[in-house]
Amino acid sequence: MQFSYERAALEDRCAPRVCLSILATLSAGGEQLQVWITDLSIAGFSAKTQAPLLVGERCRLKLPSIMPLSATVTRSEDLDIGCSFTRLFEPRIFDQLLAGWRNHDPLSC
């Protein structure tokens, strides 16, 4: 799936993001929270959480069908967070995951 890095640059992002709605598990501060992923890129994600998290807090995201991914909270506004992955998501694996999720629209974030 092709995404526009030019669009990402206009949005002040290092990678294009895909809007979606996926239930995932986030481990942070010794707790596991159910979160709704609202957008995802090879560099990070945004989510709605059950509890506030602090900017700088380290976490691990468990998406369906893949190993947990380490990340750091970079934005926290009430129960909305933004996180950057410690290592960029492998683009080939990212594309395979997106192919399995039918409720995403790469044009409407």
PDB file of N, CA and C in Angstrom:
ATOM      1  N   MET A   1       0.852  -1.167   0.000  1.00  0.00           N
ATOM      2  CA  MET A   1       0.000   0.000   0.000  1.00  0.00           C
ATOM      3  C   MET A   1       0.900   1.234   0.000  1.00  0.00           C
ATOM      4  N   GLN A   2       0.680   2.161  -0.874  1.00  0.00           N
ATOM      5  CA  GLN A   2       1.506   3.353  -1.006  1.00  0.00           C
ATOM      6  C   GLN A   2       0.902   4.515  -0.214  1.00  0.00           C
ATOM      7  N   PHE A   3       1.739   5.212   0.530  1.00  0.00           N
ATOM      8  CA  PHE A   3       1.332   6.402   1.253  1.00  0.00           C
ATOM      9  C   PHE A   3       2.252   7.534   0.855  1.00  0.00           C
ATOM     10  N   SER A   4       1.818   8.744   1.036  1.00  0.00           N
ATOM     11  CA  SER A   4       2.576   9.905   0.603  1.00  0.00           C
ATOM     12  C   SER A   4       3.420  10.476   1.736  1.00  0.00           C
ATOM     13  N   TYR A   5       4.735  10.397   1.580  1.00  0.00           N
ATOM     14  CA  TYR A   5       5.613  11.026   2.558  1.00  0.00           C
ATOM     15  C   TYR A   5       5.511  12.543   2.456  1.00  0.00           C
ATOM     16  N   GLU A   6       5.120  13.058   1.292  1.00  0.00           N
ATOM     17  CA  GLU A   6       4.909  14.493   1.143  1.00  0.00           C
ATOM     18  C   GLU A   6       3.767  14.953   2.044  1.00  0.00           C
ATOM     19  N   ARG A   7       2.690  14.162   2.090  1.00  0.00           N
ATOM     20  CA  ARG A   7       1.570  14.501   2.971  1.00  0.00           C
ATOM     21  C   ARG A   7       2.006  14.454   4.429  1.00  0.00           C
ATOM     22  N   ALA A   8       2.815  13.472   4.790  1.00  0.00           N
ATOM     23  CA  ALA A   8       3.306  13.377   6.163  1.00  0.00           C
ATOM     24  C   ALA A   8       4.119  14.611   6.526  1.00  0.00           C
ATOM     25  N   ALA A   9       4.924  15.088   5.600  1.00  0.00           N
ATOM     26  CA  ALA A   9       5.739  16.276   5.859  1.00  0.00           C
ATOM     27  C   ALA A   9       4.857  17.500   6.076  1.00  0.00           C
ATOM     28  N   LEU A  10       3.780  17.616   5.311  1.00  0.00           N
ATOM     29  CA  LEU A  10       2.865  18.738   5.487  1.00  0.00           C
ATOM     30  C   LEU A  10       2.195  18.698   6.852  1.00  0.00           C
ATOM     31  N   GLU A  11       1.982  17.502   7.381  1.00  0.00           N
ATOM     32  CA  GLU A  11       1.361  17.345   8.693  1.00  0.00           C
ATOM     33  C   GLU A  11       2.397  17.362   9.809  1.00  0.00           C
ATOM     34  N   ASP A  12       3.665  17.641   9.488  1.00  0.00           N
ATOM     35  CA  ASP A  12       4.755  17.653  10.459  1.00  0.00           C
ATOM     36  C   ASP A  12       4.918  16.281  11.110  1.00  0.00           C
ATOM     37  N   ARG A  13       4.891  15.246  10.307  1.00  0.00           N
ATOM     38  CA  ARG A  13       5.069  13.877  10.778  1.00  0.00           C
ATOM     39  C   ARG A  13       6.195  13.242   9.993  1.00  0.00           C
ATOM     40  N   CYS A  14       6.846  12.248  10.605  1.00  0.00           N
ATOM     41  CA  CYS A  14       7.960  11.603   9.905  1.00  0.00           C
ATOM     42  C   CYS A  14       7.482  10.468   9.013  1.00  0.00           C
ATOM     43  N   ALA A  15       6.221  10.049   9.161  1.00  0.00           N
ATOM     44  CA  ALA A  15       5.693   8.965   8.329  1.00  0.00           C
ATOM     45  C   ALA A  15       4.190   9.157   8.163  1.00  0.00           C
ATOM     46  N   PRO A  16       3.642   8.762   7.026  1.00  0.00           N
ATOM     47  CA  PRO A  16       2.193   8.862   6.819  1.00  0.00           C
ATOM     48  C   PRO A  16       1.446   7.988   7.821  1.00  0.00           C
ATOM     49  N   ARG A  17       0.282   8.431   8.230  1.00  0.00           N
ATOM     50  CA  ARG A  17      -0.513   7.658   9.178  1.00  0.00           C
ATOM     51  C   ARG A  17      -1.791   7.171   8.521  1.00  0.00           C
ATOM     52  N   VAL A  18      -2.334   6.109   9.094  1.00  0.00           N
ATOM     53  CA  VAL A  18      -3.568   5.510   8.607  1.00  0.00           C
ATOM     54  C   VAL A  18      -4.587   5.565   9.739  1.00  0.00           C
ATOM     55  N   CYS A  19      -5.751   6.117   9.461  1.00  0.00           N
ATOM     56  CA  CYS A  19      -6.825   6.136  10.450  1.00  0.00           C
ATOM     57  C   CYS A  19      -7.444   4.749  10.532  1.00  0.00           C
ATOM     58  N   LEU A  20      -7.693   4.316  11.749  1.00  0.00           N
ATOM     59  CA  LEU A  20      -8.360   3.037  11.942  1.00  0.00           C
ATOM     60  C   LEU A  20      -8.982   3.002  13.322  1.00  0.00           C
ATOM     61  N   SER A  21      -9.629   1.937  13.636  1.00  0.00           N
ATOM     62  CA  SER A  21     -10.232   1.746  14.945  1.00  0.00           C
ATOM     63  C   SER A  21     -10.013   0.291  15.325  1.00  0.00           C
ATOM     64  N   ILE A  22      -8.954   0.066  16.109  1.00  0.00           N
ATOM     65  CA  ILE A  22      -8.565  -1.296  16.465  1.00  0.00           C
ATOM     66  C   ILE A  22      -8.378  -1.377  17.970  1.00  0.00           C
ATOM     67  N   LEU A  23      -8.969  -2.375  18.594  1.00  0.00           N
ATOM     68  CA  LEU A  23      -8.774  -2.619  20.014  1.00  0.00           C
ATOM     69  C   LEU A  23      -7.424  -3.298  20.202  1.00  0.00           C
ATOM     70  N   ALA A  24      -6.625  -2.774  21.125  1.00  0.00           N
ATOM     71  CA  ALA A  24      -5.294  -3.319  21.389  1.00  0.00           C
ATOM     72  C   ALA A  24      -5.048  -3.264  22.893  1.00  0.00           C
ATOM     73  N   THR A  25      -3.928  -3.825  23.315  1.00  0.00           N
ATOM     74  CA  THR A  25      -3.530  -3.799  24.717  1.00  0.00           C
ATOM     75  C   THR A  25      -2.265  -2.977  24.851  1.00  0.00           C
ATOM     76  N   LEU A  26      -2.253  -2.084  25.832  1.00  0.00           N
ATOM     77  CA  LEU A  26      -1.088  -1.248  26.098  1.00  0.00           C
ATOM     78  C   LEU A  26      -0.618  -1.540  27.518  1.00  0.00           C
ATOM     79  N   SER A  27       0.646  -1.908  27.666  1.00  0.00           N
ATOM     80  CA  SER A  27       1.242  -2.124  28.983  1.00  0.00           C
ATOM     81  C   SER A  27       2.044  -0.890  29.345  1.00  0.00           C
ATOM     82  N   ALA A  28       1.741  -0.312  30.512  1.00  0.00           N
ATOM     83  CA  ALA A  28       2.461   0.881  30.970  1.00  0.00           C
ATOM     84  C   ALA A  28       2.384   0.946  32.490  1.00  0.00           C
ATOM     85  N   GLY A  29       3.496   1.264  33.113  1.00  0.00           N
ATOM     86  CA  GLY A  29       3.508   1.415  34.566  1.00  0.00           C
ATOM     87  C   GLY A  29       3.047   0.181  35.310  1.00  0.00           C
ATOM     88  N   GLY A  30       3.335  -0.994  34.771  1.00  0.00           N
ATOM     89  CA  GLY A  30       2.952  -2.240  35.429  1.00  0.00           C
ATOM     90  C   GLY A  30       1.497  -2.632  35.242  1.00  0.00           C
ATOM     91  N   GLU A  31       0.752  -1.867  34.477  1.00  0.00           N
ATOM     92  CA  GLU A  31      -0.656  -2.178  34.231  1.00  0.00           C
ATOM     93  C   GLU A  31      -0.895  -2.461  32.756  1.00  0.00           C
ATOM     94  N   GLN A  32      -1.952  -3.219  32.487  1.00  0.00           N
ATOM     95  CA  GLN A  32      -2.371  -3.457  31.107  1.00  0.00           C
ATOM     96  C   GLN A  32      -3.705  -2.757  30.893  1.00  0.00           C
ATOM     97  N   LEU A  33      -3.746  -1.937  29.841  1.00  0.00           N
ATOM     98  CA  LEU A  33      -4.945  -1.181  29.514  1.00  0.00           C
ATOM     99  C   LEU A  33      -5.454  -1.586  28.143  1.00  0.00           C
ATOM    100  N   GLN A  34      -6.770  -1.630  27.999  1.00  0.00           N
ATOM    101  CA  GLN A  34      -7.359  -1.787  26.678  1.00  0.00           C
ATOM    102  C   GLN A  34      -7.398  -0.398  26.048  1.00  0.00           C
ATOM    103  N   VAL A  35      -6.928  -0.278  24.821  1.00  0.00           N
ATOM    104  CA  VAL A  35      -6.912   1.009  24.124  1.00  0.00           C
ATOM    105  C   VAL A  35      -7.514   0.836  22.737  1.00  0.00           C
ATOM    106  N   TRP A  36      -8.047   1.933  22.216  1.00  0.00           N
ATOM    107  CA  TRP A  36      -8.510   1.964  20.827  1.00  0.00           C
ATOM    108  C   TRP A  36      -7.479   2.732  20.030  1.00  0.00           C
ATOM    109  N   ILE A  37      -6.827   2.074  19.094  1.00  0.00           N
ATOM    110  CA  ILE A  37      -5.876   2.732  18.209  1.00  0.00           C
ATOM    111  C   ILE A  37      -6.687   3.532  17.196  1.00  0.00           C
ATOM    112  N   THR A  38      -6.395   4.826  17.081  1.00  0.00           N
ATOM    113  CA  THR A  38      -7.146   5.685  16.160  1.00  0.00           C
ATOM    114  C   THR A  38      -6.348   6.042  14.916  1.00  0.00           C
ATOM    115  N   ASP A  39      -5.022   5.985  15.009  1.00  0.00           N
ATOM    116  CA  ASP A  39      -4.193   6.082  13.807  1.00  0.00           C
ATOM    117  C   ASP A  39      -2.863   5.405  14.069  1.00  0.00           C
ATOM    118  N   LEU A  40      -2.255   4.966  12.982  1.00  0.00           N
ATOM    119  CA  LEU A  40      -1.047   4.156  13.071  1.00  0.00           C
ATOM    120  C   LEU A  40      -0.140   4.491  11.900  1.00  0.00           C
ATOM    121  N   SER A  41       1.162   4.531  12.171  1.00  0.00           N
ATOM    122  CA  SER A  41       2.159   4.696  11.112  1.00  0.00           C
ATOM    123  C   SER A  41       3.342   3.809  11.457  1.00  0.00           C
ATOM    124  N   ILE A  42       4.337   3.783  10.588  1.00  0.00           N
ATOM    125  CA  ILE A  42       5.525   2.986  10.897  1.00  0.00           C
ATOM    126  C   ILE A  42       6.312   3.609  12.045  1.00  0.00           C
ATOM    127  N   ALA A  43       6.004   4.861  12.403  1.00  0.00           N
ATOM    128  CA  ALA A  43       6.746   5.566  13.448  1.00  0.00           C
ATOM    129  C   ALA A  43       6.011   5.653  14.784  1.00  0.00           C
ATOM    130  N   GLY A  44       4.691   5.433  14.797  1.00  0.00           N
ATOM    131  CA  GLY A  44       3.965   5.553  16.053  1.00  0.00           C
ATOM    132  C   GLY A  44       2.470   5.406  15.884  1.00  0.00           C
ATOM    133  N   PHE A  45       1.729   5.824  16.920  1.00  0.00           N
ATOM    134  CA  PHE A  45       0.276   5.652  16.909  1.00  0.00           C
ATOM    135  C   PHE A  45      -0.382   6.669  17.834  1.00  0.00           C
ATOM    136  N   SER A  46      -1.677   6.837  17.641  1.00  0.00           N
ATOM    137  CA  SER A  46      -2.529   7.588  18.563  1.00  0.00           C
ATOM    138  C   SER A  46      -3.573   6.617  19.081  1.00  0.00           C
ATOM    139  N   ALA A  47      -4.013   6.850  20.326  1.00  0.00           N
ATOM    140  CA  ALA A  47      -4.977   5.930  20.927  1.00  0.00           C
ATOM    141  C   ALA A  47      -5.826   6.646  21.963  1.00  0.00           C
ATOM    142  N   LYS A  48      -6.971   6.054  22.235  1.00  0.00           N
ATOM    143  CA  LYS A  48      -7.827   6.464  23.341  1.00  0.00           C
ATOM    144  C   LYS A  48      -7.626   5.423  24.434  1.00  0.00           C
ATOM    145  N   THR A  49      -7.311   5.908  25.653  1.00  0.00           N
ATOM    146  CA  THR A  49      -6.974   5.007  26.757  1.00  0.00           C
ATOM    147  C   THR A  49      -8.051   5.022  27.832  1.00  0.00           C
ATOM    148  N   GLN A  50      -7.917   4.098  28.787  1.00  0.00           N
ATOM    149  CA  GLN A  50      -8.822   4.037  29.930  1.00  0.00           C
ATOM    150  C   GLN A  50      -8.322   4.895  31.086  1.00  0.00           C
ATOM    151  N   ALA A  51      -7.048   5.255  31.045  1.00  0.00           N
ATOM    152  CA  ALA A  51      -6.436   6.037  32.124  1.00  0.00           C
ATOM    153  C   ALA A  51      -5.384   6.954  31.515  1.00  0.00           C
ATOM    154  N   PRO A  52      -5.191   8.132  32.101  1.00  0.00           N
ATOM    155  CA  PRO A  52      -4.186   9.044  31.550  1.00  0.00           C
ATOM    156  C   PRO A  52      -2.775   8.483  31.696  1.00  0.00           C
ATOM    157  N   LEU A  53      -1.925   8.814  30.734  1.00  0.00           N
ATOM    158  CA  LEU A  53      -0.509   8.440  30.785  1.00  0.00           C
ATOM    159  C   LEU A  53       0.313   9.714  30.720  1.00  0.00           C
ATOM    160  N   LEU A  54       1.536   9.643  31.210  1.00  0.00           N
ATOM    161  CA  LEU A  54       2.410  10.809  31.244  1.00  0.00           C
ATOM    162  C   LEU A  54       3.309  10.860  30.017  1.00  0.00           C
ATOM    163  N   VAL A  55       3.546  12.057  29.513  1.00  0.00           N
ATOM    164  CA  VAL A  55       4.514  12.226  28.427  1.00  0.00           C
ATOM    165  C   VAL A  55       5.867  11.722  28.924  1.00  0.00           C
ATOM    166  N   GLY A  56       6.534  10.942  28.099  1.00  0.00           N
ATOM    167  CA  GLY A  56       7.818  10.346  28.460  1.00  0.00           C
ATOM    168  C   GLY A  56       7.703   8.940  29.018  1.00  0.00           C
ATOM    169  N   GLU A  57       6.485   8.528  29.360  1.00  0.00           N
ATOM    170  CA  GLU A  57       6.271   7.186  29.901  1.00  0.00           C
ATOM    171  C   GLU A  57       6.517   6.145  28.809  1.00  0.00           C
ATOM    172  N   ARG A  58       7.214   5.087  29.181  1.00  0.00           N
ATOM    173  CA  ARG A  58       7.469   3.997  28.240  1.00  0.00           C
ATOM    174  C   ARG A  58       6.320   3.000  28.314  1.00  0.00           C
ATOM    175  N   CYS A  59       6.003   2.410  27.170  1.00  0.00           N
ATOM    176  CA  CYS A  59       4.900   1.463  27.114  1.00  0.00           C
ATOM    177  C   CYS A  59       5.182   0.406  26.051  1.00  0.00           C
ATOM    178  N   ARG A  60       4.320  -0.613  26.036  1.00  0.00           N
ATOM    179  CA  ARG A  60       4.402  -1.658  25.012  1.00  0.00           C
ATOM    180  C   ARG A  60       3.004  -1.853  24.447  1.00  0.00           C
ATOM    181  N   LEU A  61       2.918  -1.789  23.127  1.00  0.00           N
ATOM    182  CA  LEU A  61       1.645  -1.937  22.430  1.00  0.00           C
ATOM    183  C   LEU A  61       1.547  -3.339  21.859  1.00  0.00           C
ATOM    184  N   LYS A  62       0.438  -4.024  22.165  1.00  0.00           N
ATOM    185  CA  LYS A  62       0.189  -5.354  21.601  1.00  0.00           C
ATOM    186  C   LYS A  62      -0.996  -5.245  20.654  1.00  0.00           C
ATOM    187  N   LEU A  63      -0.679  -5.299  19.360  1.00  0.00           N
ATOM    188  CA  LEU A  63      -1.698  -5.315  18.313  1.00  0.00           C
ATOM    189  C   LEU A  63      -2.034  -6.761  17.976  1.00  0.00           C
ATOM    190  N   PRO A  64      -3.231  -7.020  17.450  1.00  0.00           N
ATOM    191  CA  PRO A  64      -3.564  -8.383  17.043  1.00  0.00           C
ATOM    192  C   PRO A  64      -2.547  -8.929  16.038  1.00  0.00           C
ATOM    193  N   SER A  65      -2.109 -10.136  16.235  1.00  0.00           N
ATOM    194  CA  SER A  65      -1.278 -10.890  15.282  1.00  0.00           C
ATOM    195  C   SER A  65       0.203 -10.535  15.261  1.00  0.00           C
ATOM    196  N   ILE A  66       0.683  -9.631  16.121  1.00  0.00           N
ATOM    197  CA  ILE A  66       2.116  -9.323  16.100  1.00  0.00           C
ATOM    198  C   ILE A  66       2.681  -9.257  17.514  1.00  0.00           C
ATOM    199  N   MET A  67       4.004  -9.293  17.589  1.00  0.00           N
ATOM    200  CA  MET A  67       4.704  -9.174  18.862  1.00  0.00           C
ATOM    201  C   MET A  67       4.492  -7.762  19.423  1.00  0.00           C
ATOM    202  N   PRO A  68       4.601  -7.600  20.758  1.00  0.00           N
ATOM    203  CA  PRO A  68       4.476  -6.256  21.342  1.00  0.00           C
ATOM    204  C   PRO A  68       5.542  -5.305  20.804  1.00  0.00           C
ATOM    205  N   LEU A  69       5.173  -4.040  20.664  1.00  0.00           N
ATOM    206  CA  LEU A  69       6.065  -2.999  20.162  1.00  0.00           C
ATOM    207  C   LEU A  69       6.334  -1.990  21.271  1.00  0.00           C
ATOM    208  N   SER A  70       7.605  -1.688  21.524  1.00  0.00           N
ATOM    209  CA  SER A  70       7.976  -0.699  22.537  1.00  0.00           C
ATOM    210  C   SER A  70       7.762   0.704  21.994  1.00  0.00           C
ATOM    211  N   ALA A  71       7.288   1.594  22.873  1.00  0.00           N
ATOM    212  CA  ALA A  71       7.007   2.970  22.460  1.00  0.00           C
ATOM    213  C   ALA A  71       7.178   3.906  23.653  1.00  0.00           C
ATOM    214  N   THR A  72       7.150   5.198  23.357  1.00  0.00           N
ATOM    215  CA  THR A  72       7.206   6.246  24.378  1.00  0.00           C
ATOM    216  C   THR A  72       6.062   7.217  24.132  1.00  0.00           C
ATOM    217  N   VAL A  73       5.373   7.601  25.204  1.00  0.00           N
ATOM    218  CA  VAL A  73       4.276   8.563  25.092  1.00  0.00           C
ATOM    219  C   VAL A  73       4.871   9.933  24.757  1.00  0.00           C
ATOM    220  N   THR A  74       4.431  10.521  23.657  1.00  0.00           N
ATOM    221  CA  THR A  74       4.927  11.835  23.232  1.00  0.00           C
ATOM    222  C   THR A  74       3.865  12.925  23.358  1.00  0.00           C
ATOM    223  N   ARG A  75       2.608  12.507  23.514  1.00  0.00           N
ATOM    224  CA  ARG A  75       1.499  13.455  23.665  1.00  0.00           C
ATOM    225  C   ARG A  75       0.456  12.811  24.559  1.00  0.00           C
ATOM    226  N   SER A  76      -0.065  13.570  25.517  1.00  0.00           N
ATOM    227  CA  SER A  76      -1.103  13.061  26.403  1.00  0.00           C
ATOM    228  C   SER A  76      -2.073  14.186  26.728  1.00  0.00           C
ATOM    229  N   GLU A  77      -3.319  14.017  26.291  1.00  0.00           N
ATOM    230  CA  GLU A  77      -4.379  14.995  26.541  1.00  0.00           C
ATOM    231  C   GLU A  77      -5.592  14.240  27.064  1.00  0.00           C
ATOM    232  N   ASP A  78      -5.792  14.282  28.375  1.00  0.00           N
ATOM    233  CA  ASP A  78      -6.838  13.505  29.032  1.00  0.00           C
ATOM    234  C   ASP A  78      -6.626  12.022  28.719  1.00  0.00           C
ATOM    235  N   LEU A  79      -7.545  11.419  27.969  1.00  0.00           N
ATOM    236  CA  LEU A  79      -7.434   9.995  27.650  1.00  0.00           C
ATOM    237  C   LEU A  79      -6.979   9.743  26.218  1.00  0.00           C
ATOM    238  N   ASP A  80      -6.517  10.783  25.535  1.00  0.00           N
ATOM    239  CA  ASP A  80      -5.964  10.650  24.180  1.00  0.00           C
ATOM    240  C   ASP A  80      -4.445  10.726  24.270  1.00  0.00           C
ATOM    241  N   ILE A  81      -3.769   9.748  23.672  1.00  0.00           N
ATOM    242  CA  ILE A  81      -2.308   9.749  23.698  1.00  0.00           C
ATOM    243  C   ILE A  81      -1.749   9.596  22.289  1.00  0.00           C
ATOM    244  N   GLY A  82      -0.526  10.043  22.137  1.00  0.00           N
ATOM    245  CA  GLY A  82       0.259   9.801  20.935  1.00  0.00           C
ATOM    246  C   GLY A  82       1.572   9.194  21.382  1.00  0.00           C
ATOM    247  N   CYS A  83       2.040   8.189  20.684  1.00  0.00           N
ATOM    248  CA  CYS A  83       3.274   7.502  21.065  1.00  0.00           C
ATOM    249  C   CYS A  83       4.160   7.299  19.847  1.00  0.00           C
ATOM    250  N   SER A  84       5.460   7.307  20.083  1.00  0.00           N
ATOM    251  CA  SER A  84       6.401   6.990  19.005  1.00  0.00           C
ATOM    252  C   SER A  84       7.049   5.653  19.332  1.00  0.00           C
ATOM    253  N   PHE A  85       7.177   4.816  18.307  1.00  0.00           N
ATOM    254  CA  PHE A  85       7.806   3.516  18.493  1.00  0.00           C
ATOM    255  C   PHE A  85       9.302   3.694  18.727  1.00  0.00           C
ATOM    256  N   THR A  86       9.868   2.820  19.543  1.00  0.00           N
ATOM    257  CA  THR A  86      11.305   2.830  19.797  1.00  0.00           C
ATOM    258  C   THR A  86      12.067   2.512  18.520  1.00  0.00           C
ATOM    259  N   ARG A  87      11.538   1.582  17.742  1.00  0.00           N
ATOM    260  CA  ARG A  87      12.103   1.231  16.434  1.00  0.00           C
ATOM    261  C   ARG A  87      10.990   1.348  15.408  1.00  0.00           C
ATOM    262  N   LEU A  88      11.330   1.871  14.240  1.00  0.00           N
ATOM    263  CA  LEU A  88      10.318   1.992  13.191  1.00  0.00           C
ATOM    264  C   LEU A  88       9.744   0.627  12.841  1.00  0.00           C
ATOM    265  N   PHE A  89       8.459   0.615  12.599  1.00  0.00           N
ATOM    266  CA  PHE A  89       7.750  -0.581  12.159  1.00  0.00           C
ATOM    267  C   PHE A  89       8.305  -0.986  10.798  1.00  0.00           C
ATOM    268  N   GLU A  90       8.582  -2.245  10.593  1.00  0.00           N
ATOM    269  CA  GLU A  90       9.047  -2.737   9.290  1.00  0.00           C
ATOM    270  C   GLU A  90       7.942  -2.481   8.260  1.00  0.00           C
ATOM    271  N   PRO A  91       8.195  -1.677   7.205  1.00  0.00           N
ATOM    272  CA  PRO A  91       7.141  -1.323   6.246  1.00  0.00           C
ATOM    273  C   PRO A  91       6.424  -2.527   5.630  1.00  0.00           C
ATOM    274  N   ARG A  92       7.137  -3.586   5.340  1.00  0.00           N
ATOM    275  CA  ARG A  92       6.508  -4.771   4.741  1.00  0.00           C
ATOM    276  C   ARG A  92       5.489  -5.382   5.707  1.00  0.00           C
ATOM    277  N   ILE A  93       5.849  -5.488   6.979  1.00  0.00           N
ATOM    278  CA  ILE A  93       4.939  -6.045   7.981  1.00  0.00           C
ATOM    279  C   ILE A  93       3.767  -5.090   8.209  1.00  0.00           C
ATOM    280  N   PHE A  94       4.058  -3.787   8.224  1.00  0.00           N
ATOM    281  CA  PHE A  94       3.014  -2.773   8.380  1.00  0.00           C
ATOM    282  C   PHE A  94       1.969  -2.921   7.271  1.00  0.00           C
ATOM    283  N   ASP A  95       2.421  -3.040   6.033  1.00  0.00           N
ATOM    284  CA  ASP A  95       1.501  -3.201   4.900  1.00  0.00           C
ATOM    285  C   ASP A  95       0.687  -4.482   5.013  1.00  0.00           C
ATOM    286  N   GLN A  96       1.314  -5.570   5.483  1.00  0.00           N
ATOM    287  CA  GLN A  96       0.592  -6.832   5.650  1.00  0.00           C
ATOM    288  C   GLN A  96      -0.503  -6.694   6.706  1.00  0.00           C
ATOM    289  N   LEU A  97      -0.188  -6.009   7.810  1.00  0.00           N
ATOM    290  CA  LEU A  97      -1.198  -5.795   8.845  1.00  0.00           C
ATOM    291  C   LEU A  97      -2.368  -4.984   8.314  1.00  0.00           C
ATOM    292  N   LEU A  98      -2.065  -3.905   7.609  1.00  0.00           N
ATOM    293  CA  LEU A  98      -3.136  -3.059   7.075  1.00  0.00           C
ATOM    294  C   LEU A  98      -4.023  -3.821   6.105  1.00  0.00           C
ATOM    295  N   ALA A  99      -3.439  -4.712   5.348  1.00  0.00           N
ATOM    296  CA  ALA A  99      -4.224  -5.506   4.399  1.00  0.00           C
ATOM    297  C   ALA A  99      -5.258  -6.354   5.132  1.00  0.00           C
ATOM    298  N   GLY A 100      -4.974  -6.731   6.375  1.00  0.00           N
ATOM    299  CA  GLY A 100      -5.894  -7.541   7.161  1.00  0.00           C
ATOM    300  C   GLY A 100      -6.962  -6.733   7.883  1.00  0.00           C
ATOM    301  N   TRP A 101      -6.787  -5.429   7.982  1.00  0.00           N
ATOM    302  CA  TRP A 101      -7.752  -4.574   8.663  1.00  0.00           C
ATOM    303  C   TRP A 101      -8.536  -3.804   7.620  1.00  0.00           C
ATOM    304  N   ARG A 102      -9.791  -4.079   7.527  1.00  0.00           N
ATOM    305  CA  ARG A 102     -10.594  -3.518   6.450  1.00  0.00           C
ATOM    306  C   ARG A 102     -11.214  -2.159   6.783  1.00  0.00           C
ATOM    307  N   ASN A 103     -11.198  -1.741   8.054  1.00  0.00           N
ATOM    308  CA  ASN A 103     -11.902  -0.509   8.429  1.00  0.00           C
ATOM    309  C   ASN A 103     -10.963   0.691   8.518  1.00  0.00           C
ATOM    310  N   HIS A 104      -9.953   0.744   7.668  1.00  0.00           N
ATOM    311  CA  HIS A 104      -9.068   1.910   7.690  1.00  0.00           C
ATOM    312  C   HIS A 104      -9.227   2.715   6.404  1.00  0.00           C
ATOM    313  N   ASP A 105      -8.953   3.984   6.518  1.00  0.00           N
ATOM    314  CA  ASP A 105      -9.036   4.880   5.369  1.00  0.00           C
ATOM    315  C   ASP A 105      -7.802   5.769   5.394  1.00  0.00           C
ATOM    316  N   PRO A 106      -6.806   5.492   4.552  1.00  0.00           N
ATOM    317  CA  PRO A 106      -5.555   6.239   4.623  1.00  0.00           C
ATOM    318  C   PRO A 106      -5.675   7.704   4.216  1.00  0.00           C
ATOM    319  N   LEU A 107      -6.837   8.135   3.767  1.00  0.00           N
ATOM    320  CA  LEU A 107      -6.966   9.511   3.286  1.00  0.00           C
ATOM    321  C   LEU A 107      -7.676  10.447   4.255  1.00  0.00           C
ATOM    322  N   SER A 108      -8.169   9.947   5.388  1.00  0.00           N
ATOM    323  CA  SER A 108      -9.034  10.803   6.201  1.00  0.00           C
ATOM    324  C   SER A 108      -8.599  10.983   7.646  1.00  0.00           C
ATOM    325  N   CYS A 109      -7.328  10.979   7.936  1.00  0.00           N
ATOM    326  CA  CYS A 109      -6.886  11.236   9.312  1.00  0.00           C
ATOM    327  C   CYS A 109      -6.998  12.714   9.626  1.00  0.00           C
TER     328      CYS A 109
END
